[in-house]
Amino acid sequence: MTRLAVLSAGSWGTSMGAVLADAGSQVALHTRRPELAEAINSRHENPRYLPGVSLPEQVTATTDESEAVCGAEVVLVSIPAQTLRANLTRWTPLIPEDAIVVSLMKGIESGTGMRMSQVITDVTGIPCDRVAVLSGPNLAREVAVRQPAASAIACTSSAVATRLQALAQTPYFRPYTTTDVIGCELGGAVKNVIALAVGLSAGMRLGDNARAVLITRGLAETARLGLALGADPLTFSGLAGVGDLMATCSSPLSRNRTFGEHLGRGLTLAQATAATSQTAEGVKSAESVLRLARRHGVDMPITEVVVGVLHGRLTTGQAATRLMERPPGAERYAA
């Protein structure tokens, strides 16, 4: 039986751990909370993040990082994007020498503009052909209760991607493979920012037409940035692109959409953070995405407006006006 480790035991890490266990692996989750480890081991439930969801017996938990990764052939990382570098610095000596590292995170690092796989290779020294990304329309609770889902597994090594695909295949979870790591990561990171905009629109009750416009033009923004960075444009019409974008912008289970709704209803940034309770990655990644776009000369008006709202430079009303006052132009793919 293949031994896998998941760092950490949040909602998505736990859900993916359950998928991997259902596919036949032994999975160790790392959590900082002793009471959470005890609940997972004794009751097979994560009461903090997935209350009422039964976990496979092959999923265990520990507060000891070295115990979690000991003997693991694959180490999956699922922590807030902006904490990755600091945590990896501590974890790197513990990761088995030949292990594959998989990013379950969707963000762009503040300051460096690095994607999560780039941060992993930068800190650990692990070559990119042993660093993979899993991304797609994967709302954690739906996956945890075994509702049908699919995802893309990206790695520069197609052999590694195929191996991970086999480890994650279950009757309810269907993984696809790709070598386009750039496209998968950008799709996952930028969709969080677009979901904030959609949430703002929903909170202001601007209607379904506005939501459709934001999703469609948000996809165009994502594709423009992807093309500038060398991604395959077809990736954005797949699971890690439009698939993830649709799920995140449409579901009440989406943290980023929910956060945007709170802002659209008049809550302050601090109040929206408290009300959302879990990390909305788009809040921290939005400015990093915008800086990356400006560095490469890419126009991203929706992202720019979201950053303006988050930093208090625009009110929600001004944000809507700003977008509608943009000069008209021809509609083109990635235009």
Protein backbone atom coordinates (compact mmCIF):
# COMPACT_ATOMS: atom_id res chain seq x y z
CA MET A 1 0.00 0.00 0.00
CA THR A 2 1.38 3.40 -1.02
CA ARG A 3 2.01 5.77 1.89
CA LEU A 4 1.09 9.42 1.32
CA ALA A 5 1.25 12.52 3.51
CA VAL A 6 -0.98 15.58 3.44
CA LEU A 7 0.19 18.82 5.04
CA SER A 8 -2.30 19.96 6.48
CA ALA A 9 -5.75 18.85 7.75
CA GLY A 10 -7.89 21.76 6.55
CA SER A 11 -11.04 21.16 4.52
CA TRP A 12 -9.33 20.62 1.15
CA GLY A 13 -6.35 18.68 2.52
CA THR A 14 -8.68 16.37 4.43
CA SER A 15 -11.00 15.92 1.45
CA MET A 16 -8.11 15.04 -0.85
CA GLY A 17 -6.71 12.71 1.79
CA ALA A 18 -10.03 10.87 1.79
CA VAL A 19 -9.94 10.58 -2.01
CA LEU A 20 -6.45 9.10 -1.92
CA ALA A 21 -7.44 6.65 0.83
CA ASP A 22 -10.52 5.58 -1.11
CA ALA A 23 -8.19 4.98 -4.07
CA GLY A 24 -6.16 2.54 -1.98
CA SER A 25 -3.38 4.46 -0.21
CA GLN A 26 -2.50 4.94 3.44
CA VAL A 27 -2.77 8.66 4.19
CA ALA A 28 -1.26 10.61 7.09
CA LEU A 29 -2.63 14.11 7.74
CA HIS A 30 -0.62 16.68 9.65
CA THR A 31 -2.46 19.05 11.96
CA ARG A 32 -1.24 21.45 14.61
CA ARG A 33 -4.29 20.79 16.78
CA PRO A 34 -4.07 17.72 19.09
CA GLU A 35 -7.84 17.60 19.53
CA LEU A 36 -8.30 17.45 15.75
CA ALA A 37 -5.79 14.62 15.39
CA GLU A 38 -7.58 12.73 18.17
CA ALA A 39 -10.98 13.16 16.50
CA ILE A 40 -9.71 11.99 13.12
CA ASN A 41 -8.00 8.94 14.62
CA SER A 42 -10.77 7.89 17.01
CA ARG A 43 -13.98 9.06 15.28
CA HIS A 44 -12.81 9.23 11.65
CA GLU A 45 -14.14 12.76 11.37
CA ASN A 46 -12.68 16.24 11.01
CA PRO A 47 -15.18 18.14 13.18
CA ARG A 48 -13.62 21.56 12.62
CA TYR A 49 -13.56 21.64 8.83
CA LEU A 50 -15.83 18.80 7.67
CA PRO A 51 -18.30 18.08 10.48
CA GLY A 52 -20.52 15.08 9.90
CA VAL A 53 -18.37 13.64 7.09
CA SER A 54 -17.04 10.12 7.64
CA LEU A 55 -13.38 9.61 6.72
CA PRO A 56 -11.85 6.31 5.57
CA GLU A 57 -10.01 4.27 8.21
CA GLN A 58 -6.86 4.55 6.09
CA VAL A 59 -6.74 8.28 6.95
CA THR A 60 -4.86 9.00 10.17
CA ALA A 61 -3.66 12.25 11.71
CA THR A 62 -0.68 13.42 13.73
CA THR A 63 0.71 16.65 15.16
CA ASP A 64 4.24 15.43 14.45
CA GLU A 65 5.44 16.66 11.05
CA SER A 66 8.25 14.13 10.80
CA GLU A 67 5.86 11.28 11.60
CA ALA A 68 3.44 12.45 8.92
CA VAL A 69 5.99 12.48 6.10
CA CYS A 70 8.10 9.51 7.24
CA GLY A 71 8.22 6.98 4.41
CA ALA A 72 5.80 8.95 2.24
CA GLU A 73 6.18 8.45 -1.51
CA VAL A 74 4.03 11.52 -2.19
CA VAL A 75 3.70 14.63 -0.01
CA LEU A 76 0.72 16.87 -0.73
CA VAL A 77 0.76 20.43 0.61
CA SER A 78 -2.49 22.25 1.37
CA ILE A 79 -1.84 25.37 3.43
CA PRO A 80 -2.50 29.10 2.87
CA ALA A 81 -0.35 30.19 -0.06
CA GLN A 82 1.36 33.06 1.75
CA THR A 83 2.60 30.72 4.50
CA LEU A 84 4.15 28.18 2.14
CA ARG A 85 7.74 29.48 2.08
CA ALA A 86 8.09 29.68 5.86
CA ASN A 87 6.56 26.24 6.42
CA LEU A 88 8.59 24.59 3.66
CA THR A 89 11.80 25.92 5.16
CA ARG A 90 10.99 23.87 8.26
CA TRP A 91 9.63 20.83 6.41
CA THR A 92 12.30 20.42 3.72
CA PRO A 93 14.74 18.32 5.83
CA LEU A 94 11.87 15.97 6.71
CA ILE A 95 10.63 15.25 3.17
CA PRO A 96 11.90 11.85 1.88
CA GLU A 97 14.61 12.23 -0.74
CA ASP A 98 12.70 10.70 -3.65
CA ALA A 99 9.21 11.90 -2.74
CA ILE A 100 6.94 13.66 -5.20
CA VAL A 101 5.53 16.94 -3.85
CA VAL A 102 2.04 17.98 -4.94
CA SER A 103 0.64 21.47 -4.49
CA LEU A 104 -3.06 21.67 -3.63
CA MET A 105 -2.75 25.45 -3.22
CA LYS A 106 -4.07 28.21 -5.45
CA GLY A 107 -2.24 31.48 -5.06
CA ILE A 108 0.62 33.74 -6.12
CA GLU A 109 3.28 34.53 -3.54
CA SER A 110 3.36 38.13 -2.37
CA GLY A 111 6.59 39.94 -3.19
CA THR A 112 8.11 37.34 -5.51
CA GLY A 113 5.13 36.76 -7.82
CA MET A 114 5.99 33.05 -7.79
CA ARG A 115 3.48 30.32 -8.39
CA MET A 116 3.27 27.68 -5.66
CA SER A 117 5.25 25.06 -7.59
CA GLN A 118 7.99 27.63 -8.10
CA VAL A 119 8.11 28.32 -4.37
CA ILE A 120 8.38 24.58 -3.71
CA THR A 121 11.33 24.09 -6.07
CA ASP A 122 12.97 27.32 -4.84
CA VAL A 123 12.85 26.32 -1.17
CA THR A 124 13.31 22.55 -1.32
CA GLY A 125 15.59 22.19 -4.33
CA ILE A 126 13.36 19.38 -5.60
CA PRO A 127 13.47 19.34 -9.43
CA CYS A 128 10.34 20.49 -11.24
CA ASP A 129 9.73 17.02 -12.69
CA ARG A 130 8.95 15.82 -9.15
CA VAL A 131 6.69 18.75 -8.29
CA ALA A 132 3.06 18.53 -9.40
CA VAL A 133 -0.10 20.59 -9.12
CA LEU A 134 -3.69 19.46 -8.66
CA SER A 135 -6.32 21.97 -9.73
CA GLY A 136 -9.92 22.00 -10.88
CA PRO A 137 -13.53 22.56 -9.81
CA ASN A 138 -13.08 20.92 -6.42
CA LEU A 139 -15.30 22.35 -3.70
CA ALA A 140 -13.96 20.52 -0.66
CA ARG A 141 -17.17 19.45 1.03
CA GLU A 142 -18.68 18.07 -2.18
CA VAL A 143 -15.56 15.98 -2.74
CA ALA A 144 -15.54 14.86 0.90
CA VAL A 145 -19.10 13.51 0.66
CA ARG A 146 -18.13 11.73 -2.54
CA GLN A 147 -20.14 13.72 -5.05
CA PRO A 148 -18.82 13.41 -8.64
CA ALA A 149 -15.80 15.61 -9.36
CA ALA A 150 -12.81 15.84 -11.68
CA SER A 151 -9.49 17.62 -11.60
CA ALA A 152 -6.31 18.21 -13.58
CA ILE A 153 -2.96 16.93 -12.38
CA ALA A 154 -0.11 18.91 -13.91
CA CYS A 155 3.59 18.06 -13.94
CA THR A 156 6.39 18.66 -16.42
CA SER A 157 6.93 14.89 -16.24
CA SER A 158 4.00 13.12 -17.86
CA ALA A 159 5.08 9.89 -16.13
CA VAL A 160 4.76 11.51 -12.71
CA ALA A 161 1.38 12.99 -13.62
CA THR A 162 0.17 9.57 -14.77
CA ARG A 163 1.37 7.95 -11.54
CA LEU A 164 -0.51 10.53 -9.48
CA GLN A 165 -3.57 10.03 -11.64
CA ALA A 166 -3.62 6.33 -10.72
CA LEU A 167 -3.25 7.17 -7.03
CA ALA A 168 -6.25 9.54 -7.12
CA GLN A 169 -8.70 7.63 -9.33
CA THR A 170 -11.93 6.65 -7.58
CA PRO A 171 -15.51 6.01 -8.76
CA TYR A 172 -16.42 9.60 -7.81
CA PHE A 173 -13.16 11.48 -8.50
CA ARG A 174 -11.74 11.54 -12.02
CA PRO A 175 -8.26 13.02 -12.52
CA TYR A 176 -6.88 14.09 -15.91
CA THR A 177 -3.23 14.73 -16.70
CA THR A 178 -1.41 17.62 -18.34
CA THR A 179 2.12 18.99 -18.55
CA ASP A 180 0.92 22.61 -18.47
CA VAL A 181 1.85 23.50 -14.90
CA ILE A 182 1.80 27.26 -15.63
CA GLY A 183 -1.74 27.22 -17.00
CA CYS A 184 -3.12 25.07 -14.20
CA GLU A 185 -1.62 27.26 -11.48
CA LEU A 186 -2.66 30.54 -13.05
CA GLY A 187 -6.18 29.27 -13.61
CA GLY A 188 -6.41 28.31 -9.94
CA ALA A 189 -4.93 31.54 -8.63
CA VAL A 190 -6.75 34.08 -10.80
CA LYS A 191 -10.17 32.44 -10.50
CA ASN A 192 -10.12 33.33 -6.79
CA VAL A 193 -9.76 37.00 -7.68
CA ILE A 194 -12.57 36.81 -10.24
CA ALA A 195 -14.75 35.05 -7.67
CA LEU A 196 -14.25 38.00 -5.33
CA ALA A 197 -15.58 40.26 -8.09
CA VAL A 198 -18.55 37.97 -8.70
CA GLY A 199 -19.24 37.94 -4.97
CA LEU A 200 -19.12 41.73 -4.87
CA SER A 201 -21.64 41.81 -7.72
CA ALA A 202 -23.92 39.32 -5.96
CA GLY A 203 -23.73 41.23 -2.68
CA MET A 204 -24.75 44.40 -4.53
CA ARG A 205 -27.57 42.51 -6.29
CA LEU A 206 -26.39 43.47 -9.74
CA GLY A 207 -27.99 40.42 -11.38
CA ASP A 208 -27.08 37.32 -13.38
CA ASN A 209 -26.04 39.27 -16.48
CA ALA A 210 -23.32 41.01 -14.48
CA ARG A 211 -22.16 37.69 -13.05
CA ALA A 212 -21.92 36.17 -16.54
CA VAL A 213 -19.94 39.16 -17.80
CA LEU A 214 -17.48 38.95 -14.91
CA ILE A 215 -16.95 35.22 -15.36
CA THR A 216 -16.50 35.50 -19.13
CA ARG A 217 -14.22 38.52 -19.09
CA GLY A 218 -12.44 37.12 -16.04
CA LEU A 219 -11.56 34.05 -18.07
CA ALA A 220 -10.20 36.34 -20.80
CA GLU A 221 -8.00 38.10 -18.22
CA THR A 222 -6.69 34.77 -16.99
CA ALA A 223 -5.94 33.59 -20.51
CA ARG A 224 -4.10 36.82 -21.37
CA LEU A 225 -1.81 36.43 -18.39
CA GLY A 226 -1.34 32.74 -19.12
CA LEU A 227 -0.34 33.37 -22.71
CA ALA A 228 2.17 36.00 -21.59
CA LEU A 229 3.75 33.49 -19.19
CA GLY A 230 3.89 30.62 -21.65
CA ALA A 231 0.80 28.58 -20.75
CA ASP A 232 -1.12 26.47 -23.24
CA PRO A 233 -4.27 28.49 -24.12
CA LEU A 234 -6.35 25.30 -24.28
CA THR A 235 -5.78 24.79 -20.54
CA PHE A 236 -8.12 27.69 -19.80
CA SER A 237 -11.01 25.95 -21.55
CA GLY A 238 -10.53 22.89 -19.35
CA LEU A 239 -10.96 21.82 -15.73
CA ALA A 240 -8.24 24.05 -14.30
CA GLY A 241 -9.57 27.04 -16.26
CA VAL A 242 -13.25 27.55 -16.96
CA GLY A 243 -14.21 24.52 -14.84
CA ASP A 244 -12.63 25.85 -11.65
CA LEU A 245 -13.78 29.38 -12.45
CA MET A 246 -17.43 28.33 -12.83
CA ALA A 247 -17.49 26.35 -9.58
CA THR A 248 -15.79 29.05 -7.55
CA CYS A 249 -17.90 31.88 -8.94
CA SER A 250 -21.22 30.05 -8.71
CA SER A 251 -21.25 28.09 -5.45
CA PRO A 252 -22.14 29.34 -1.96
CA LEU A 253 -19.46 26.89 -0.76
CA SER A 254 -16.79 29.10 -2.37
CA ARG A 255 -14.83 31.09 0.22
CA ASN A 256 -13.78 33.76 -2.26
CA ARG A 257 -17.25 34.34 -3.66
CA THR A 258 -18.61 34.44 -0.10
CA PHE A 259 -15.94 36.94 0.95
CA GLY A 260 -16.84 39.16 -2.01
CA GLU A 261 -20.52 38.96 -1.12
CA HIS A 262 -19.77 40.18 2.39
CA LEU A 263 -17.94 43.19 0.94
CA GLY A 264 -20.75 43.83 -1.54
CA ARG A 265 -23.24 43.94 1.32
CA GLY A 266 -21.24 46.63 3.06
CA LEU A 267 -18.98 44.75 5.47
CA THR A 268 -15.47 46.05 6.01
CA LEU A 269 -12.43 43.97 5.08
CA ALA A 270 -11.95 42.94 8.71
CA GLN A 271 -15.62 42.05 9.11
CA ALA A 272 -15.63 40.01 5.89
CA THR A 273 -12.52 38.16 7.05
CA ALA A 274 -14.17 37.26 10.35
CA ALA A 275 -17.44 36.26 8.69
CA THR A 276 -15.74 34.01 6.12
CA SER A 277 -13.73 32.21 8.87
CA GLN A 278 -11.49 30.25 6.46
CA THR A 279 -8.78 31.61 4.16
CA ALA A 280 -10.01 33.27 0.96
CA GLU A 281 -6.82 33.06 -1.11
CA GLY A 282 -7.89 35.71 -3.59
CA VAL A 283 -7.70 38.42 -0.92
CA LYS A 284 -3.96 37.95 -0.47
CA SER A 285 -3.15 36.95 -4.06
CA ALA A 286 -5.04 39.70 -5.90
CA GLU A 287 -2.29 42.30 -5.65
CA SER A 288 0.37 39.69 -6.54
CA VAL A 289 -1.60 38.73 -9.65
CA LEU A 290 -1.94 42.39 -10.64
CA ARG A 291 1.79 43.05 -10.16
CA LEU A 292 2.59 39.98 -12.24
CA ALA A 293 0.28 41.22 -14.97
CA ARG A 294 1.82 44.69 -14.99
CA ARG A 295 5.31 43.21 -15.10
CA HIS A 296 4.34 41.43 -18.33
CA GLY A 297 2.27 44.26 -19.80
CA VAL A 298 -1.05 42.42 -19.45
CA ASP A 299 -4.30 44.36 -18.97
CA MET A 300 -6.48 42.88 -16.18
CA PRO A 301 -9.24 45.40 -15.39
CA ILE A 302 -11.34 43.14 -13.15
CA THR A 303 -8.33 42.23 -11.06
CA GLU A 304 -7.36 45.89 -10.86
CA VAL A 305 -10.80 46.87 -9.57
CA VAL A 306 -10.80 44.06 -6.99
CA VAL A 307 -7.43 45.25 -5.68
CA GLY A 308 -8.79 48.79 -5.49
CA VAL A 309 -11.73 47.65 -3.35
CA LEU A 310 -9.57 45.47 -1.08
CA HIS A 311 -7.17 48.35 -0.42
CA GLY A 312 -9.92 50.90 0.12
CA ARG A 313 -9.12 52.95 -2.98
CA LEU A 314 -12.51 52.20 -4.53
CA THR A 315 -15.96 51.75 -3.07
CA THR A 316 -18.07 48.87 -4.38
CA GLY A 317 -20.20 51.35 -6.31
CA GLN A 318 -17.15 52.94 -7.88
CA ALA A 319 -15.84 49.49 -8.83
CA ALA A 320 -18.93 48.70 -10.89
CA THR A 321 -18.84 52.12 -12.54
CA ARG A 322 -15.14 51.80 -13.35
CA LEU A 323 -15.67 48.55 -15.24
CA MET A 324 -18.71 49.76 -17.17
CA GLU A 325 -16.93 52.97 -18.22
CA ARG A 326 -14.06 51.15 -19.91
CA PRO A 327 -13.71 52.02 -23.61
CA PRO A 328 -15.61 49.57 -25.84
CA GLY A 329 -13.63 47.23 -28.03
CA ALA A 330 -13.87 44.12 -30.20
CA GLU A 331 -14.34 40.83 -28.38
CA ARG A 332 -11.53 38.40 -29.08
CA TYR A 333 -10.25 35.35 -27.26
CA ALA A 334 -7.81 36.62 -24.62
CA ALA A 335 -8.60 40.20 -25.67
